[in-house]
N, C-alpha and C. Protein backbone atom coordinates (compact mmCIF):
# COMPACT_ATOMS: atom_id res chain seq x y z
N MET A 1 98.34 70.18 53.91
CA MET A 1 97.52 71.17 53.24
C MET A 1 96.32 71.51 54.11
N VAL A 2 96.08 72.77 54.31
CA VAL A 2 94.96 73.24 55.11
C VAL A 2 93.81 73.60 54.18
N THR A 3 92.63 73.09 54.52
CA THR A 3 91.46 73.45 53.73
C THR A 3 90.62 74.44 54.52
N SER A 4 89.98 75.32 53.81
CA SER A 4 89.12 76.28 54.49
C SER A 4 87.66 75.84 54.32
N VAL A 5 86.96 75.86 55.42
CA VAL A 5 85.55 75.49 55.42
C VAL A 5 84.73 76.67 54.92
N ILE A 6 83.80 76.37 54.04
CA ILE A 6 82.91 77.40 53.51
C ILE A 6 81.53 77.13 54.08
N GLU A 7 81.11 77.93 55.06
CA GLU A 7 79.80 77.71 55.68
C GLU A 7 78.76 78.58 54.99
N THR A 8 77.68 77.92 54.57
CA THR A 8 76.56 78.61 53.96
C THR A 8 75.39 78.52 54.93
N THR A 9 74.97 79.66 55.44
CA THR A 9 73.86 79.70 56.39
C THR A 9 72.59 80.10 55.65
N LEU A 10 71.58 79.23 55.77
CA LEU A 10 70.33 79.44 55.05
C LEU A 10 69.34 80.18 55.93
N SER A 11 68.82 81.27 55.42
CA SER A 11 67.77 82.03 56.10
C SER A 11 66.41 81.43 55.74
N LEU A 12 65.37 81.98 56.31
CA LEU A 12 64.01 81.52 56.06
C LEU A 12 63.73 81.42 54.57
N GLY A 13 63.28 80.25 54.13
CA GLY A 13 62.89 80.06 52.74
C GLY A 13 64.04 79.87 51.77
N GLU A 14 65.26 79.81 52.25
CA GLU A 14 66.41 79.64 51.35
C GLU A 14 66.80 78.17 51.24
N TRP A 15 67.52 77.84 50.17
CA TRP A 15 67.99 76.49 49.94
C TRP A 15 69.37 76.56 49.27
N ALA A 16 70.08 75.43 49.34
CA ALA A 16 71.37 75.34 48.68
C ALA A 16 71.68 73.88 48.40
N VAL A 17 72.38 73.65 47.30
CA VAL A 17 72.94 72.34 46.99
C VAL A 17 74.39 72.56 46.59
N THR A 18 75.25 71.58 46.88
CA THR A 18 76.65 71.75 46.54
C THR A 18 77.38 70.41 46.45
N ASN A 19 78.44 70.41 45.66
CA ASN A 19 79.35 69.28 45.62
C ASN A 19 80.74 69.71 46.09
N ASP A 20 80.82 70.89 46.69
CA ASP A 20 82.08 71.40 47.23
C ASP A 20 82.36 70.68 48.55
N ARG A 21 83.43 69.90 48.58
CA ARG A 21 83.75 69.09 49.76
C ARG A 21 84.04 69.95 50.99
N ASP A 22 84.40 71.21 50.80
CA ASP A 22 84.70 72.09 51.93
C ASP A 22 83.49 72.86 52.43
N ALA A 23 82.34 72.63 51.82
CA ALA A 23 81.13 73.35 52.20
C ALA A 23 80.47 72.73 53.43
N VAL A 24 79.87 73.59 54.23
CA VAL A 24 79.02 73.18 55.35
C VAL A 24 77.72 73.96 55.21
N LEU A 25 76.62 73.23 55.02
CA LEU A 25 75.30 73.86 54.92
C LEU A 25 74.71 73.93 56.32
N THR A 26 74.11 75.08 56.66
CA THR A 26 73.66 75.32 58.03
C THR A 26 72.31 76.02 58.07
N CYS A 27 71.46 75.57 59.00
CA CYS A 27 70.25 76.30 59.37
C CYS A 27 70.38 76.60 60.86
N LEU A 28 70.38 77.88 61.20
CA LEU A 28 70.52 78.30 62.58
C LEU A 28 69.15 78.55 63.21
N GLY A 29 69.00 78.15 64.45
CA GLY A 29 67.82 78.51 65.23
C GLY A 29 66.50 78.10 64.65
N LEU A 30 66.40 76.87 64.14
CA LEU A 30 65.11 76.38 63.64
C LEU A 30 64.13 76.30 64.80
N GLY A 31 63.00 76.95 64.67
CA GLY A 31 61.93 76.82 65.65
C GLY A 31 60.85 75.96 65.03
N SER A 32 59.78 76.59 64.56
CA SER A 32 58.72 75.85 63.90
C SER A 32 59.09 75.47 62.46
N CYS A 33 60.12 76.10 61.91
CA CYS A 33 60.59 75.75 60.57
C CYS A 33 61.18 74.35 60.57
N VAL A 34 61.23 73.74 59.39
CA VAL A 34 61.83 72.42 59.25
C VAL A 34 62.95 72.51 58.21
N ALA A 35 64.08 71.91 58.53
CA ALA A 35 65.17 71.79 57.57
C ALA A 35 65.06 70.43 56.88
N PHE A 36 65.09 70.45 55.55
CA PHE A 36 65.18 69.24 54.75
C PHE A 36 66.63 69.10 54.34
N ILE A 37 67.24 67.98 54.68
CA ILE A 37 68.65 67.75 54.38
C ILE A 37 68.75 66.46 53.56
N ALA A 38 69.45 66.53 52.43
CA ALA A 38 69.64 65.36 51.58
C ALA A 38 71.12 65.25 51.23
N TYR A 39 71.64 64.01 51.28
CA TYR A 39 73.06 63.78 51.02
C TYR A 39 73.26 62.47 50.28
N ASP A 40 74.07 62.51 49.23
CA ASP A 40 74.45 61.30 48.51
C ASP A 40 75.90 61.02 48.88
N PRO A 41 76.17 59.93 49.64
CA PRO A 41 77.52 59.66 50.12
C PRO A 41 78.49 59.21 49.04
N VAL A 42 78.00 58.74 47.91
CA VAL A 42 78.89 58.31 46.83
C VAL A 42 79.30 59.52 45.98
N ALA A 43 78.32 60.29 45.55
CA ALA A 43 78.61 61.48 44.75
C ALA A 43 79.14 62.63 45.61
N ARG A 44 78.95 62.52 46.91
CA ARG A 44 79.33 63.56 47.88
C ARG A 44 78.75 64.91 47.49
N VAL A 45 77.44 64.89 47.34
CA VAL A 45 76.70 66.12 47.12
C VAL A 45 75.65 66.24 48.21
N GLY A 46 75.42 67.46 48.65
CA GLY A 46 74.44 67.66 49.71
C GLY A 46 73.57 68.85 49.41
N GLY A 47 72.39 68.84 50.02
CA GLY A 47 71.46 69.94 49.87
C GLY A 47 70.67 70.16 51.14
N MET A 48 70.19 71.38 51.29
CA MET A 48 69.42 71.73 52.47
C MET A 48 68.43 72.83 52.11
N ALA A 49 67.26 72.78 52.74
CA ALA A 49 66.25 73.83 52.58
C ALA A 49 65.74 74.21 53.96
N HIS A 50 65.52 75.50 54.17
CA HIS A 50 64.98 76.05 55.41
C HIS A 50 63.51 76.39 55.15
N MET A 51 62.64 75.43 55.43
CA MET A 51 61.23 75.50 55.06
C MET A 51 60.39 76.14 56.17
N VAL A 52 59.53 77.07 55.80
CA VAL A 52 58.80 77.90 56.75
C VAL A 52 57.34 77.48 56.92
N LEU A 53 56.68 77.14 55.82
CA LEU A 53 55.25 76.82 55.83
C LEU A 53 54.99 75.50 55.09
N PRO A 54 53.91 74.80 55.45
CA PRO A 54 53.66 73.47 54.89
C PRO A 54 53.41 73.42 53.39
N ASP A 55 52.61 74.34 52.86
CA ASP A 55 52.32 74.21 51.43
C ASP A 55 52.12 75.57 50.77
N SER A 56 52.38 75.57 49.47
CA SER A 56 52.40 76.82 48.70
C SER A 56 51.02 77.42 48.47
N SER A 57 49.96 76.75 48.87
CA SER A 57 48.64 77.35 48.77
C SER A 57 48.47 78.46 49.81
N GLN A 58 49.42 78.56 50.73
CA GLN A 58 49.35 79.56 51.80
C GLN A 58 50.03 80.88 51.45
N GLY A 59 50.51 81.01 50.24
CA GLY A 59 51.16 82.26 49.87
C GLY A 59 52.01 82.10 48.64
N ARG A 60 52.87 83.06 48.43
CA ARG A 60 53.68 83.10 47.23
C ARG A 60 55.15 83.17 47.62
N ALA A 61 55.94 82.31 47.00
CA ALA A 61 57.38 82.34 47.22
C ALA A 61 58.00 83.37 46.26
N THR A 62 59.03 84.02 46.72
CA THR A 62 59.77 84.95 45.87
C THR A 62 61.02 84.23 45.37
N ALA A 63 61.73 84.84 44.46
CA ALA A 63 62.96 84.24 43.94
C ALA A 63 63.95 83.98 45.07
N ARG A 64 63.97 84.84 46.07
CA ARG A 64 64.89 84.69 47.19
C ARG A 64 64.43 83.61 48.16
N SER A 65 63.15 83.31 48.17
CA SER A 65 62.63 82.35 49.15
C SER A 65 61.87 81.20 48.49
N GLU A 66 62.47 80.63 47.46
CA GLU A 66 61.81 79.53 46.74
C GLU A 66 61.48 78.36 47.65
N ALA A 67 62.28 78.14 48.66
CA ALA A 67 62.11 76.98 49.54
C ALA A 67 61.26 77.30 50.76
N LYS A 68 60.52 78.37 50.72
CA LYS A 68 59.68 78.76 51.85
C LYS A 68 58.65 77.69 52.17
N PHE A 69 58.15 77.01 51.15
CA PHE A 69 57.08 76.03 51.32
C PHE A 69 57.61 74.61 51.16
N VAL A 70 57.20 73.73 52.06
CA VAL A 70 57.66 72.35 52.05
C VAL A 70 57.39 71.68 50.71
N ASP A 71 56.18 71.85 50.16
CA ASP A 71 55.81 71.15 48.93
C ASP A 71 56.60 71.62 47.71
N VAL A 72 57.23 72.78 47.80
CA VAL A 72 58.07 73.28 46.72
C VAL A 72 59.53 72.93 46.97
N ALA A 73 59.97 73.06 48.21
CA ALA A 73 61.38 72.92 48.57
C ALA A 73 61.92 71.51 48.35
N VAL A 74 61.19 70.50 48.79
CA VAL A 74 61.71 69.13 48.71
C VAL A 74 61.97 68.72 47.25
N PRO A 75 60.99 68.87 46.34
CA PRO A 75 61.29 68.52 44.94
C PRO A 75 62.37 69.39 44.31
N LEU A 76 62.43 70.67 44.68
CA LEU A 76 63.43 71.57 44.14
C LEU A 76 64.84 71.12 44.51
N VAL A 77 65.06 70.85 45.79
CA VAL A 77 66.38 70.41 46.24
C VAL A 77 66.75 69.08 45.59
N MET A 78 65.80 68.15 45.53
CA MET A 78 66.09 66.85 44.92
C MET A 78 66.44 66.99 43.44
N LYS A 79 65.74 67.84 42.72
CA LYS A 79 66.03 68.07 41.30
C LYS A 79 67.45 68.60 41.12
N GLU A 80 67.83 69.56 41.94
CA GLU A 80 69.15 70.17 41.81
C GLU A 80 70.26 69.21 42.23
N LEU A 81 70.01 68.37 43.23
CA LEU A 81 71.00 67.37 43.63
C LEU A 81 71.22 66.35 42.52
N THR A 82 70.14 65.95 41.87
CA THR A 82 70.23 65.00 40.76
C THR A 82 71.07 65.60 39.63
N ALA A 83 70.91 66.90 39.38
CA ALA A 83 71.69 67.58 38.35
C ALA A 83 73.19 67.57 38.68
N LEU A 84 73.52 67.44 39.97
CA LEU A 84 74.93 67.38 40.39
C LEU A 84 75.45 65.95 40.47
N GLY A 85 74.64 64.97 40.06
CA GLY A 85 75.10 63.60 40.03
C GLY A 85 74.59 62.70 41.14
N ALA A 86 73.75 63.21 42.01
CA ALA A 86 73.18 62.39 43.09
C ALA A 86 72.16 61.42 42.53
N LEU A 87 72.05 60.26 43.18
CA LEU A 87 71.04 59.28 42.82
C LEU A 87 70.04 59.15 43.96
N LYS A 88 68.78 59.15 43.61
CA LYS A 88 67.71 59.06 44.60
C LYS A 88 67.87 57.83 45.50
N ALA A 89 68.28 56.73 44.93
CA ALA A 89 68.41 55.48 45.70
C ALA A 89 69.47 55.57 46.80
N ARG A 90 70.43 56.48 46.66
CA ARG A 90 71.51 56.61 47.65
C ARG A 90 71.26 57.72 48.66
N MET A 91 70.20 58.48 48.48
CA MET A 91 69.97 59.65 49.31
C MET A 91 69.77 59.31 50.79
N GLN A 92 70.47 60.05 51.61
CA GLN A 92 70.28 59.99 53.05
C GLN A 92 69.52 61.27 53.42
N ILE A 93 68.30 61.09 53.91
CA ILE A 93 67.40 62.22 54.17
C ILE A 93 67.29 62.45 55.67
N SER A 94 67.36 63.72 56.05
CA SER A 94 67.16 64.12 57.45
C SER A 94 66.13 65.24 57.50
N LEU A 95 65.33 65.24 58.56
CA LEU A 95 64.37 66.31 58.83
C LEU A 95 64.61 66.80 60.25
N VAL A 96 64.73 68.11 60.40
CA VAL A 96 65.04 68.70 61.70
C VAL A 96 64.19 69.95 61.90
N GLY A 97 63.66 70.12 63.11
CA GLY A 97 62.91 71.33 63.47
C GLY A 97 61.48 70.99 63.84
N GLY A 98 60.56 71.85 63.42
CA GLY A 98 59.14 71.61 63.65
C GLY A 98 58.71 71.72 65.11
N ALA A 99 59.37 72.57 65.86
CA ALA A 99 59.05 72.71 67.28
C ALA A 99 57.79 73.56 67.47
N ALA A 100 57.15 73.35 68.62
CA ALA A 100 56.02 74.20 69.04
C ALA A 100 56.63 75.31 69.89
N MET A 101 56.87 76.43 69.27
CA MET A 101 57.57 77.53 69.95
C MET A 101 56.63 78.40 70.78
N LEU A 102 55.35 78.32 70.51
CA LEU A 102 54.36 79.06 71.29
C LEU A 102 53.41 78.06 71.92
N PRO A 103 52.92 78.34 73.11
CA PRO A 103 51.98 77.40 73.72
C PRO A 103 50.74 77.24 72.84
N VAL A 104 50.30 75.99 72.65
CA VAL A 104 49.11 75.70 71.85
C VAL A 104 47.98 75.37 72.81
N ARG A 105 46.94 76.16 72.75
CA ARG A 105 45.80 75.94 73.62
C ARG A 105 44.92 74.84 73.08
N SER A 106 44.19 74.21 73.92
CA SER A 106 43.27 73.14 73.53
C SER A 106 42.34 73.64 72.43
N GLY A 107 42.17 72.82 71.40
CA GLY A 107 41.29 73.19 70.29
C GLY A 107 41.96 74.05 69.24
N ALA A 108 43.24 74.42 69.44
CA ALA A 108 43.92 75.28 68.49
C ALA A 108 45.11 74.57 67.85
N GLU A 109 44.99 73.25 67.66
CA GLU A 109 46.10 72.48 67.09
C GLU A 109 46.50 72.97 65.70
N GLN A 110 45.53 73.50 64.95
CA GLN A 110 45.86 73.98 63.61
C GLN A 110 46.85 75.14 63.65
N MET A 111 47.00 75.77 64.81
CA MET A 111 47.95 76.86 64.95
C MET A 111 49.37 76.35 65.21
N ASN A 112 49.53 75.07 65.47
CA ASN A 112 50.86 74.52 65.71
C ASN A 112 51.57 74.31 64.37
N ILE A 113 52.18 75.37 63.89
CA ILE A 113 52.81 75.35 62.58
C ILE A 113 53.98 74.38 62.53
N GLY A 114 54.66 74.19 63.65
CA GLY A 114 55.78 73.23 63.68
C GLY A 114 55.32 71.83 63.36
N ALA A 115 54.24 71.39 63.99
CA ALA A 115 53.70 70.04 63.73
C ALA A 115 53.20 69.93 62.29
N ARG A 116 52.59 70.98 61.79
CA ARG A 116 52.10 70.98 60.40
C ARG A 116 53.26 70.93 59.41
N ASN A 117 54.34 71.66 59.70
CA ASN A 117 55.52 71.62 58.84
C ASN A 117 56.15 70.22 58.85
N ALA A 118 56.23 69.62 60.03
CA ALA A 118 56.82 68.28 60.14
C ALA A 118 55.99 67.26 59.36
N ALA A 119 54.68 67.32 59.49
CA ALA A 119 53.80 66.39 58.77
C ALA A 119 53.92 66.60 57.26
N ALA A 120 53.98 67.84 56.82
CA ALA A 120 54.12 68.14 55.40
C ALA A 120 55.47 67.64 54.87
N ALA A 121 56.51 67.78 55.68
CA ALA A 121 57.84 67.30 55.27
C ALA A 121 57.84 65.79 55.10
N HIS A 122 57.24 65.08 56.04
CA HIS A 122 57.13 63.62 55.92
C HIS A 122 56.36 63.25 54.65
N ALA A 123 55.27 63.94 54.38
CA ALA A 123 54.46 63.65 53.20
C ALA A 123 55.24 63.93 51.91
N ALA A 124 55.99 65.02 51.87
CA ALA A 124 56.76 65.38 50.68
C ALA A 124 57.88 64.37 50.42
N VAL A 125 58.53 63.93 51.48
CA VAL A 125 59.60 62.94 51.34
C VAL A 125 59.01 61.62 50.82
N LYS A 126 57.90 61.22 51.39
CA LYS A 126 57.24 59.97 50.96
C LYS A 126 56.80 60.08 49.50
N ALA A 127 56.24 61.23 49.12
CA ALA A 127 55.77 61.44 47.74
C ALA A 127 56.91 61.34 46.73
N MET A 128 58.14 61.66 47.17
CA MET A 128 59.31 61.58 46.29
C MET A 128 59.90 60.16 46.28
N GLY A 129 59.31 59.26 47.06
CA GLY A 129 59.82 57.89 47.13
C GLY A 129 61.08 57.76 47.96
N LEU A 130 61.24 58.67 48.91
CA LEU A 130 62.42 58.69 49.77
C LEU A 130 62.06 58.24 51.18
N ARG A 131 63.08 57.90 51.95
CA ARG A 131 62.87 57.54 53.35
C ARG A 131 63.74 58.42 54.24
N VAL A 132 63.19 58.79 55.37
CA VAL A 132 63.93 59.61 56.33
C VAL A 132 64.88 58.70 57.11
N ARG A 133 66.14 59.08 57.14
CA ARG A 133 67.16 58.33 57.88
C ARG A 133 67.35 58.90 59.28
N VAL A 134 67.38 60.23 59.39
CA VAL A 134 67.57 60.91 60.67
C VAL A 134 66.46 61.93 60.82
N GLU A 135 65.85 61.95 62.00
CA GLU A 135 64.83 62.97 62.23
C GLU A 135 64.92 63.44 63.68
N ASP A 136 64.76 64.75 63.83
CA ASP A 136 64.70 65.38 65.15
C ASP A 136 63.64 66.47 65.01
N LEU A 137 62.39 66.08 65.26
CA LEU A 137 61.24 66.96 65.02
C LEU A 137 60.41 67.12 66.29
N GLY A 138 59.71 68.25 66.38
CA GLY A 138 58.78 68.48 67.47
C GLY A 138 59.44 69.05 68.70
N GLY A 139 58.78 68.84 69.82
CA GLY A 139 59.28 69.40 71.08
C GLY A 139 59.03 70.89 71.16
N THR A 140 59.73 71.52 72.07
CA THR A 140 59.55 72.96 72.31
C THR A 140 60.87 73.72 72.26
N GLN A 141 61.91 73.09 71.71
CA GLN A 141 63.21 73.74 71.67
C GLN A 141 63.67 73.99 70.24
N GLY A 142 64.32 75.12 70.06
CA GLY A 142 64.90 75.44 68.77
C GLY A 142 66.13 74.58 68.52
N ARG A 143 66.50 74.45 67.26
CA ARG A 143 67.64 73.62 66.88
C ARG A 143 68.47 74.31 65.80
N THR A 144 69.74 73.96 65.77
CA THR A 144 70.63 74.34 64.69
C THR A 144 71.13 73.05 64.07
N VAL A 145 71.18 73.01 62.74
CA VAL A 145 71.62 71.80 62.05
C VAL A 145 72.71 72.17 61.04
N ARG A 146 73.71 71.29 60.94
CA ARG A 146 74.81 71.48 59.99
C ARG A 146 75.04 70.21 59.20
N LEU A 147 75.38 70.39 57.91
CA LEU A 147 75.75 69.28 57.04
C LEU A 147 77.09 69.59 56.39
N PRO A 148 78.18 68.99 56.89
CA PRO A 148 79.46 69.12 56.19
C PRO A 148 79.47 68.15 55.00
N VAL A 149 79.65 68.67 53.82
CA VAL A 149 79.57 67.86 52.61
C VAL A 149 80.69 66.81 52.57
N ARG A 150 81.83 67.11 53.14
CA ARG A 150 82.94 66.16 53.13
C ARG A 150 82.56 64.83 53.79
N THR A 151 81.81 64.89 54.90
CA THR A 151 81.48 63.67 55.65
C THR A 151 80.02 63.26 55.55
N GLY A 152 79.13 64.21 55.32
CA GLY A 152 77.70 63.92 55.29
C GLY A 152 77.11 63.69 56.67
N GLU A 153 77.89 63.93 57.71
CA GLU A 153 77.45 63.70 59.08
C GLU A 153 76.63 64.89 59.59
N VAL A 154 75.32 64.70 59.70
CA VAL A 154 74.42 65.75 60.16
C VAL A 154 74.62 65.96 61.66
N THR A 155 74.85 67.21 62.05
CA THR A 155 74.96 67.51 63.48
C THR A 155 73.82 68.44 63.88
N ILE A 156 73.23 68.15 65.02
CA ILE A 156 72.09 68.92 65.51
C ILE A 156 72.40 69.38 66.92
N SER A 157 72.24 70.67 67.16
CA SER A 157 72.36 71.18 68.53
C SER A 157 71.04 71.82 68.91
N THR A 158 70.69 71.67 70.17
CA THR A 158 69.40 72.15 70.66
C THR A 158 69.62 73.34 71.57
N ALA A 159 68.79 74.36 71.35
CA ALA A 159 68.82 75.54 72.20
C ALA A 159 67.84 75.34 73.34
N ARG A 160 68.19 75.82 74.49
CA ARG A 160 67.28 75.74 75.62
C ARG A 160 66.26 76.85 75.48
N THR A 161 64.99 76.48 75.50
CA THR A 161 63.92 77.46 75.37
C THR A 161 63.42 77.84 76.75
N LEU A 162 63.43 79.12 77.05
CA LEU A 162 62.95 79.59 78.34
C LEU A 162 61.51 80.06 78.20
N ARG A 163 60.69 79.71 79.15
CA ARG A 163 59.29 80.15 79.13
C ARG A 163 59.03 80.96 80.39
N ALA A 164 58.12 81.90 80.24
CA ALA A 164 57.78 82.77 81.37
C ALA A 164 57.19 81.96 82.53
N ASP A 165 56.50 80.85 82.24
CA ASP A 165 55.88 80.07 83.31
C ASP A 165 56.86 79.10 83.97
N ALA A 166 58.13 79.14 83.55
CA ALA A 166 59.11 78.22 84.12
C ALA A 166 59.73 78.74 85.40
N ALA A 167 59.40 79.93 85.79
CA ALA A 167 60.01 80.53 86.97
C ALA A 167 59.61 79.87 88.26
């Protein structure tokens, strides 16, 4: 029997949870954004959010981009996974992204949105009483992350970032 893979690609601020064994959740080209990935290996349910900004005090999420903010996305995905039968104690959590895609000048660390997103993601995970199992954060390269629900095996590929000063 041949199964067809159903790939769901999350755009900025989008999220998804599923118990479909043929589903693959994907975030393409994460730069400063952070992907929150949660998987329960017993219930075989997985979730992912493509988070853009550290906290919701920085703006307003729309219905299409509920997961735009880290402080909203992490509890939202966890709530929906629990509704599908996941248990917090079994959750395997991964954080991916948070790169510095633009050069940060001395004294302008607050402009490094990737580092701020990564720190906010760690804080949100800790606040939920969860622990990060896999993390690939920071650096200067974009990443793509995939979660096949059948296996729960998070795969991360890194894009080579070219800079004008690299010549």
